[in-house]
Amino acid sequence: MTVVDPADDSATGARTASGSAPFRKLPRLRRLARLLPTPAGTPFTFGYGVILLSTALYTDFGDPATVDRLLRESSTDAAHLVEQPLFVLVASALWIAGGIYSFYGVAFLLVVTALERRVGGARAAGVFLLGHVLATLATELPVAGAVAVGRLPAASMHRLDYGISFGLMACIGALSGLLRPRWKWPLLGVAAAMCAQDLIELVDPLASWGHPIALLTGLACLPLVRDAAGRKSDAAGRRSAGAGRGAALSADRAVPTPLFPPWLPRQYVPARAPQEGAAGGMALRGAGEEPPDGGRAEPVGRAPAEPEAPRHVMGVDDGLHHAHGGEAGPVGVAPRVPGAIPRPRTADGAGEQRRRDADALQTR
């Protein structure tokens, strides 16, 4: 039993390095996984690939007589294009020449998946279909014309023609404009070599031009796919920027506690319109009331202090009802009474002394 010191950095580092070794391969595995189609990421390539795999398996392991009949009915030869063009143009693209072991099947998965991830399923399908249709019509319609004028035998109207090679070549041409130079030129080199082989062998003087025409069709779609790829990258950038902005806004919302807690009701009083209460003070408005129309309201945290009680002066009250000389409490500020209050003069000294005291208090 081995005891490892937690403070020993060498042991911890060795254990971390050995434990994280499998995780270092995850980014590479993710990059390799993106080369293959998925139902969510590349629905067109995935669904079309499942159909091609099914027909390829049936071609290799199905009844040979039935397979031969289906291939001939799906052929885009000149006779079928004249009779039922839409059906054979679609049916011929459901088969792979050479079956499950064909090079075209692997190339389809890699090329069309890469194109769909950059431009979307609709545009990838459009490029494939456009290359397949244009190259087929460009090679088969001249055959029908040559047979009509007697330049080719009538058997040329029924030659077997099916597969996905024309659509795949168009996707290669479109994808080459979206790749970096180190991947673009090798891809175009392989495609050009295939086209050159067809032209050198020249098995069919007209049909051998199908692959070069499809490749040029894909190159002609470059403005369309570049615009779609640019919009897709801009949308991804906006989503990432929006996520970062949302995180920043969430951080900005962490503000201090407000000065007035939500559970403390606020009280408002008019700014320059005090209301007289029963004690001569300002009456406060209750919580939840609105300020009067046209007035400015101010939040008040507490009620104002109660006004002081009226002060009594010796011998004088609010209504001057008591006679001079009466008992009084603590003397505050004497009220301002204009002039001296006339008092009856008496002969005794006590009355005169009370008059002088009252006069002195009034003038103080």
Protein backbone atom coordinates (compact mmCIF):
# COMPACT_ATOMS: atom_id res chain seq x y z
CA MET A 1 0.00 0.00 0.00
CA THR A 2 1.55 3.26 -1.13
CA VAL A 3 0.86 6.52 0.66
CA VAL A 4 0.96 9.62 -1.55
CA ASP A 5 1.62 12.97 0.03
CA PRO A 6 -1.02 15.49 -1.17
CA ALA A 7 1.67 18.17 -1.18
CA ASP A 8 3.85 16.16 -3.57
CA ASP A 9 3.40 17.98 -6.89
CA SER A 10 5.26 15.35 -8.88
CA ALA A 11 2.89 12.54 -7.88
CA THR A 12 -0.17 14.71 -8.47
CA GLY A 13 1.11 15.86 -11.84
CA ALA A 14 1.84 12.33 -12.97
CA ARG A 15 -1.58 11.15 -11.90
CA THR A 16 -3.28 14.10 -13.67
CA ALA A 17 -1.33 13.59 -16.86
CA SER A 18 -2.13 9.89 -17.00
CA GLY A 19 -5.81 10.52 -16.18
CA SER A 20 -6.25 13.27 -18.79
CA ALA A 21 -4.49 11.41 -21.61
CA PRO A 22 -7.73 9.90 -23.05
CA PHE A 23 -9.42 13.29 -22.96
CA ARG A 24 -6.74 14.80 -25.18
CA LYS A 25 -8.06 12.73 -28.05
CA LEU A 26 -11.61 14.09 -27.74
CA PRO A 27 -11.09 17.17 -29.98
CA ARG A 28 -9.59 14.97 -32.70
CA LEU A 29 -12.45 12.52 -32.44
CA ARG A 30 -14.95 15.37 -32.70
CA ARG A 31 -13.23 16.69 -35.82
CA LEU A 32 -13.29 13.23 -37.38
CA ALA A 33 -16.96 12.78 -36.44
CA ARG A 34 -17.84 15.99 -38.29
CA LEU A 35 -16.67 14.37 -41.52
CA LEU A 36 -19.61 11.95 -41.39
CA PRO A 37 -23.30 12.87 -41.75
CA THR A 38 -25.64 13.08 -38.78
CA PRO A 39 -29.45 13.33 -38.68
CA ALA A 40 -29.40 16.72 -36.94
CA GLY A 41 -26.35 18.34 -38.51
CA THR A 42 -26.66 17.11 -42.13
CA PRO A 43 -30.18 15.74 -42.66
CA PHE A 44 -29.99 15.73 -46.48
CA THR A 45 -26.74 13.77 -46.66
CA PHE A 46 -27.80 11.40 -43.88
CA GLY A 47 -31.19 10.57 -45.38
CA TYR A 48 -29.87 10.32 -48.93
CA GLY A 49 -26.97 8.17 -47.71
CA VAL A 50 -29.36 5.71 -46.04
CA ILE A 51 -31.27 5.34 -49.33
CA LEU A 52 -28.06 4.82 -51.32
CA LEU A 53 -26.82 2.25 -48.81
CA SER A 54 -30.08 0.31 -49.10
CA THR A 55 -30.05 0.23 -52.90
CA ALA A 56 -26.33 -0.66 -52.93
CA LEU A 57 -26.92 -3.60 -50.62
CA TYR A 58 -29.80 -4.77 -52.79
CA THR A 59 -27.65 -4.45 -55.89
CA ASP A 60 -24.99 -6.72 -54.40
CA PHE A 61 -27.18 -9.25 -52.60
CA GLY A 62 -30.56 -9.05 -54.35
CA ASP A 63 -31.92 -11.14 -57.19
CA PRO A 64 -29.76 -10.40 -60.26
CA ALA A 65 -32.68 -10.50 -62.70
CA THR A 66 -34.73 -8.11 -60.60
CA VAL A 67 -31.77 -5.79 -60.10
CA ASP A 68 -31.07 -5.70 -63.84
CA ARG A 69 -34.72 -4.88 -64.61
CA LEU A 70 -34.83 -2.07 -62.02
CA LEU A 71 -31.62 -0.54 -63.31
CA ARG A 72 -32.83 -0.53 -66.89
CA GLU A 73 -36.15 1.07 -65.90
CA SER A 74 -34.25 3.75 -63.95
CA SER A 75 -31.75 4.47 -66.72
CA THR A 76 -31.58 8.01 -68.09
CA ASP A 77 -31.06 6.92 -71.66
CA ALA A 78 -32.43 8.97 -74.52
CA ALA A 79 -35.53 6.79 -74.95
CA HIS A 80 -36.59 7.10 -71.30
CA LEU A 81 -35.87 10.84 -71.25
CA VAL A 82 -38.27 11.29 -74.12
CA GLU A 83 -41.02 9.14 -72.56
CA GLN A 84 -40.80 9.87 -68.79
CA PRO A 85 -38.03 12.39 -68.06
CA LEU A 86 -38.93 13.34 -64.46
CA PHE A 87 -39.20 9.75 -63.25
CA VAL A 88 -35.90 8.55 -64.66
CA LEU A 89 -34.00 11.68 -63.59
CA VAL A 90 -34.99 10.97 -59.98
CA ALA A 91 -34.79 7.16 -60.11
CA SER A 92 -31.34 7.08 -61.71
CA ALA A 93 -29.91 9.08 -58.76
CA LEU A 94 -30.97 6.36 -56.28
CA TRP A 95 -28.32 3.87 -57.39
CA ILE A 96 -24.53 3.72 -57.05
CA ALA A 97 -22.57 2.36 -59.98
CA GLY A 98 -20.47 -0.47 -58.58
CA GLY A 99 -22.61 -1.27 -55.53
CA ILE A 100 -21.56 -0.99 -51.92
CA TYR A 101 -17.84 -1.23 -52.68
CA SER A 102 -17.87 1.69 -55.10
CA PHE A 103 -15.57 4.67 -54.60
CA TYR A 104 -18.49 7.00 -55.31
CA GLY A 105 -20.29 6.01 -52.10
CA VAL A 106 -17.41 6.99 -49.81
CA ALA A 107 -16.75 10.16 -51.78
CA PHE A 108 -20.43 11.10 -51.53
CA LEU A 109 -20.44 10.87 -47.72
CA LEU A 110 -17.30 12.99 -47.31
CA VAL A 111 -17.92 15.63 -49.97
CA VAL A 112 -21.65 16.25 -49.58
CA THR A 113 -21.38 16.24 -45.77
CA ALA A 114 -18.68 18.92 -45.90
CA LEU A 115 -20.73 20.99 -48.35
CA GLU A 116 -23.96 20.72 -46.35
CA ARG A 117 -22.27 21.79 -43.11
CA ARG A 118 -21.15 24.99 -44.84
CA VAL A 119 -24.16 25.96 -46.95
CA GLY A 120 -27.12 24.02 -45.51
CA GLY A 121 -29.12 21.05 -46.74
CA ALA A 122 -31.30 22.91 -49.27
CA ARG A 123 -28.39 24.45 -51.18
CA ALA A 124 -26.33 21.25 -51.07
CA ALA A 125 -29.28 19.31 -52.51
CA GLY A 126 -29.75 22.01 -55.16
CA VAL A 127 -26.13 21.80 -56.29
CA PHE A 128 -26.28 18.00 -56.46
CA LEU A 129 -29.55 17.95 -58.38
CA LEU A 130 -28.45 20.71 -60.76
CA GLY A 131 -25.23 18.92 -61.66
CA HIS A 132 -27.03 15.59 -62.09
CA VAL A 133 -29.76 16.99 -64.35
CA LEU A 134 -27.64 19.33 -66.49
CA ALA A 135 -24.88 16.79 -67.12
CA THR A 136 -27.44 14.08 -67.95
CA LEU A 137 -29.33 16.26 -70.40
CA ALA A 138 -26.10 17.58 -71.92
CA THR A 139 -24.91 14.05 -72.72
CA GLU A 140 -28.16 12.28 -73.63
CA LEU A 141 -30.03 14.83 -75.71
CA PRO A 142 -27.21 15.04 -78.28
CA VAL A 143 -27.34 11.26 -78.51
CA ALA A 144 -31.01 11.42 -79.44
CA GLY A 145 -30.25 14.06 -82.03
CA ALA A 146 -27.38 12.04 -83.50
CA VAL A 147 -29.63 8.98 -83.75
CA ALA A 148 -32.32 11.07 -85.42
CA VAL A 149 -29.95 12.30 -88.14
CA GLY A 150 -28.39 8.89 -88.60
CA ARG A 151 -24.99 9.60 -87.09
CA LEU A 152 -25.45 6.95 -84.37
CA PRO A 153 -27.23 3.58 -84.41
CA ALA A 154 -30.68 3.17 -82.87
CA ALA A 155 -29.24 1.00 -80.08
CA SER A 156 -27.63 4.13 -78.60
CA MET A 157 -31.11 5.27 -77.49
CA HIS A 158 -31.21 2.43 -74.91
CA ARG A 159 -27.75 2.37 -73.38
CA LEU A 160 -27.61 1.95 -69.58
CA ASP A 161 -26.96 5.19 -67.67
CA TYR A 162 -27.51 5.63 -63.91
CA GLY A 163 -25.62 6.65 -60.76
CA ILE A 164 -24.66 9.65 -58.61
CA SER A 165 -21.34 10.53 -60.24
CA PHE A 166 -22.63 13.67 -62.01
CA GLY A 167 -24.17 15.14 -58.86
CA LEU A 168 -21.11 14.23 -56.82
CA MET A 169 -18.80 15.96 -59.30
CA ALA A 170 -20.92 19.14 -59.08
CA CYS A 171 -20.65 19.08 -55.28
CA ILE A 172 -16.86 18.72 -55.56
CA GLY A 173 -16.71 21.83 -57.74
CA ALA A 174 -18.89 23.84 -55.31
CA LEU A 175 -17.01 22.65 -52.23
CA SER A 176 -13.62 23.53 -53.70
CA GLY A 177 -14.47 27.24 -53.56
CA LEU A 178 -15.13 27.06 -49.79
CA LEU A 179 -11.98 25.21 -48.71
CA ARG A 180 -8.55 26.52 -47.86
CA PRO A 181 -5.91 26.31 -50.64
CA ARG A 182 -4.16 23.32 -49.05
CA TRP A 183 -7.39 21.30 -49.40
CA LYS A 184 -8.89 23.04 -52.42
CA TRP A 185 -6.21 22.25 -55.00
CA PRO A 186 -5.77 18.54 -54.12
CA LEU A 187 -9.54 18.07 -54.35
CA LEU A 188 -9.71 19.80 -57.71
CA GLY A 189 -6.68 17.81 -58.87
CA VAL A 190 -8.39 14.47 -58.16
CA ALA A 191 -11.58 15.60 -59.90
CA ALA A 192 -9.67 16.87 -62.91
CA ALA A 193 -7.78 13.57 -63.17
CA MET A 194 -11.07 11.65 -63.27
CA CYS A 195 -12.43 13.93 -65.98
CA ALA A 196 -9.22 13.61 -67.99
CA GLN A 197 -9.39 9.82 -67.79
CA ASP A 198 -12.90 9.84 -69.27
CA LEU A 199 -11.79 12.09 -72.11
CA ILE A 200 -8.65 10.07 -72.80
CA GLU A 201 -10.43 6.71 -72.89
CA LEU A 202 -13.40 8.25 -74.74
CA VAL A 203 -15.55 5.17 -74.42
CA ASP A 204 -18.57 7.21 -75.52
CA PRO A 205 -17.78 10.37 -77.48
CA LEU A 206 -20.75 12.21 -75.98
CA ALA A 207 -21.31 10.64 -72.55
CA SER A 208 -17.63 10.99 -71.62
CA TRP A 209 -18.13 14.74 -71.32
CA GLY A 210 -20.64 14.29 -68.47
CA HIS A 211 -18.16 14.54 -65.59
CA PRO A 212 -16.37 17.68 -66.88
CA ILE A 213 -19.74 19.37 -67.46
CA ALA A 214 -20.89 18.49 -63.93
CA LEU A 215 -17.64 19.81 -62.44
CA LEU A 216 -18.01 23.10 -64.30
CA THR A 217 -21.64 23.31 -63.12
CA GLY A 218 -20.48 23.06 -59.51
CA LEU A 219 -17.84 25.75 -60.08
CA ALA A 220 -20.53 27.99 -61.56
CA CYS A 221 -22.50 27.67 -58.29
CA LEU A 222 -19.67 29.24 -56.25
CA PRO A 223 -21.34 32.68 -55.85
CA LEU A 224 -24.47 31.00 -54.53
CA VAL A 225 -22.72 28.76 -52.02
CA ARG A 226 -20.28 31.46 -50.88
CA ASP A 227 -23.15 33.79 -50.07
CA ALA A 228 -24.91 31.03 -48.10
CA ALA A 229 -21.71 30.11 -46.25
CA GLY A 230 -21.11 33.77 -45.34
CA ARG A 231 -24.64 34.17 -43.95
CA LYS A 232 -24.31 30.95 -41.96
CA SER A 233 -21.01 32.07 -40.40
CA ASP A 234 -22.51 35.51 -39.62
CA ALA A 235 -25.48 33.88 -37.93
CA ALA A 236 -23.14 31.73 -35.84
CA GLY A 237 -21.14 34.83 -34.89
CA ARG A 238 -24.32 36.69 -33.89
CA ARG A 239 -25.41 33.76 -31.73
CA SER A 240 -22.05 33.66 -29.95
CA ALA A 241 -22.06 37.46 -29.54
CA GLY A 242 -25.62 37.35 -28.23
CA ALA A 243 -24.64 34.69 -25.69
CA GLY A 244 -21.72 36.85 -24.52
CA ARG A 245 -23.92 39.94 -24.34
CA GLY A 246 -26.53 38.04 -22.36
CA ALA A 247 -23.89 36.95 -19.86
CA ALA A 248 -22.70 40.55 -19.54
CA LEU A 249 -26.25 41.78 -18.94
CA SER A 250 -26.75 39.12 -16.31
CA ALA A 251 -23.61 40.34 -14.57
CA ASP A 252 -24.77 43.97 -14.85
CA ARG A 253 -28.08 43.15 -13.19
CA ALA A 254 -26.27 42.37 -9.91
CA VAL A 255 -26.96 45.85 -8.45
CA PRO A 256 -26.93 46.85 -4.75
CA THR A 257 -30.03 46.70 -2.58
CA PRO A 258 -32.40 49.64 -3.26
CA LEU A 259 -32.62 52.46 -0.74
CA PHE A 260 -36.26 51.67 -0.08
CA PRO A 261 -36.87 47.94 0.41
CA PRO A 262 -39.94 46.61 -1.44
CA TRP A 263 -41.64 45.70 1.82
CA LEU A 264 -41.43 49.31 3.19
CA PRO A 265 -44.36 51.46 1.96
CA ARG A 266 -43.50 54.94 0.80
CA GLN A 267 -45.32 58.05 1.98
CA TYR A 268 -45.77 61.15 -0.10
CA VAL A 269 -46.64 64.73 0.80
CA PRO A 270 -47.16 67.64 -1.58
CA ALA A 271 -44.02 69.73 -2.00
CA ARG A 272 -45.40 73.19 -1.23
CA ALA A 273 -48.93 72.44 -0.10
CA PRO A 274 -48.94 71.38 3.58
CA GLN A 275 -52.20 70.26 5.10
CA GLU A 276 -53.12 71.44 8.54
CA GLY A 277 -53.85 68.70 10.99
CA ALA A 278 -55.71 68.77 14.21
CA ALA A 279 -52.64 69.91 16.13
CA GLY A 280 -51.61 72.56 13.58
CA GLY A 281 -48.96 70.31 11.98
CA MET A 282 -48.64 68.80 8.50
CA ALA A 283 -50.85 65.84 7.74
CA LEU A 284 -49.10 62.93 6.00
CA ARG A 285 -50.65 61.08 3.09
CA GLY A 286 -51.12 57.39 3.61
CA ALA A 287 -49.11 54.72 1.82
CA GLY A 288 -50.38 53.94 -1.63
CA GLU A 289 -52.08 57.33 -2.21
CA GLU A 290 -51.15 59.37 -5.23
CA PRO A 291 -49.95 62.99 -4.98
CA PRO A 292 -52.51 65.69 -5.87
CA ASP A 293 -52.86 66.77 -9.50
CA GLY A 294 -50.33 69.36 -10.51
CA GLY A 295 -48.33 68.98 -7.32
CA ARG A 296 -44.88 67.59 -6.86
CA ALA A 297 -44.55 64.75 -4.38
CA GLU A 298 -41.48 63.91 -2.36
CA PRO A 299 -40.79 60.61 -0.63
CA VAL A 300 -40.73 60.98 3.12
CA GLY A 301 -39.07 58.42 5.31
CA ARG A 302 -40.67 59.50 8.60
CA ALA A 303 -43.34 61.85 9.88
CA PRO A 304 -42.33 65.39 10.93
CA ALA A 305 -41.94 66.23 14.60
CA GLU A 306 -44.99 67.34 16.53
CA PRO A 307 -45.32 71.11 16.94
CA GLU A 308 -44.56 72.57 20.34
CA ALA A 309 -47.42 73.17 22.74
CA PRO A 310 -48.44 76.81 23.19
CA ARG A 311 -46.36 78.50 25.82
CA HIS A 312 -48.13 80.35 28.59
CA VAL A 313 -46.77 83.57 29.96
CA MET A 314 -47.43 84.67 33.42
CA GLY A 315 -50.66 86.58 33.43
CA VAL A 316 -51.30 86.18 29.67
CA ASP A 317 -52.87 83.27 27.71
CA ASP A 318 -54.08 82.83 24.11
CA GLY A 319 -57.26 84.76 24.66
CA LEU A 320 -56.03 87.15 27.43
CA HIS A 321 -58.81 85.92 29.67
CA HIS A 322 -56.85 85.66 32.88
CA ALA A 323 -56.09 88.63 35.03
CA HIS A 324 -52.54 89.85 35.59
CA GLY A 325 -50.86 88.29 38.52
CA GLY A 326 -52.23 84.80 37.96
CA GLU A 327 -50.08 81.69 38.34
CA ALA A 328 -48.06 80.60 35.28
CA GLY A 329 -45.74 77.76 34.29
CA PRO A 330 -42.22 78.08 32.85
CA VAL A 331 -41.71 81.30 31.02
CA GLY A 332 -40.72 80.92 27.31
CA VAL A 333 -40.66 83.54 24.65
CA ALA A 334 -43.04 86.34 25.46
CA PRO A 335 -45.65 87.04 22.84
CA ARG A 336 -45.30 90.26 21.02
CA VAL A 337 -48.14 92.43 22.27
CA PRO A 338 -48.03 95.97 20.90
CA GLY A 339 -47.82 98.54 23.62
CA ALA A 340 -48.46 98.29 27.30
CA ILE A 341 -51.76 97.08 28.57
CA PRO A 342 -53.44 99.79 30.60
CA ARG A 343 -53.97 98.82 34.21
CA PRO A 344 -55.97 100.58 36.84
CA ARG A 345 -53.71 102.53 39.15
CA THR A 346 -54.33 102.07 42.80
CA ALA A 347 -52.97 103.86 45.77
CA ASP A 348 -51.48 100.81 47.40
CA GLY A 349 -47.96 99.69 46.60
CA ALA A 350 -48.98 96.13 45.73
CA GLY A 351 -51.04 97.17 42.70
CA GLU A 352 -48.29 99.46 41.47
CA GLN A 353 -45.71 96.69 41.80
CA ARG A 354 -47.86 94.26 39.80
CA ARG A 355 -48.26 96.84 37.03
CA ARG A 356 -44.52 97.38 36.76
CA ASP A 357 -43.90 93.59 36.59
CA ALA A 358 -46.43 93.17 33.81
CA ASP A 359 -44.97 96.08 31.81
CA ALA A 360 -41.47 94.66 32.17
CA LEU A 361 -42.56 91.23 30.88
CA GLN A 362 -44.32 92.77 27.88
CA THR A 363 -41.29 94.76 26.71
CA ARG A 364 -38.76 92.00 27.24
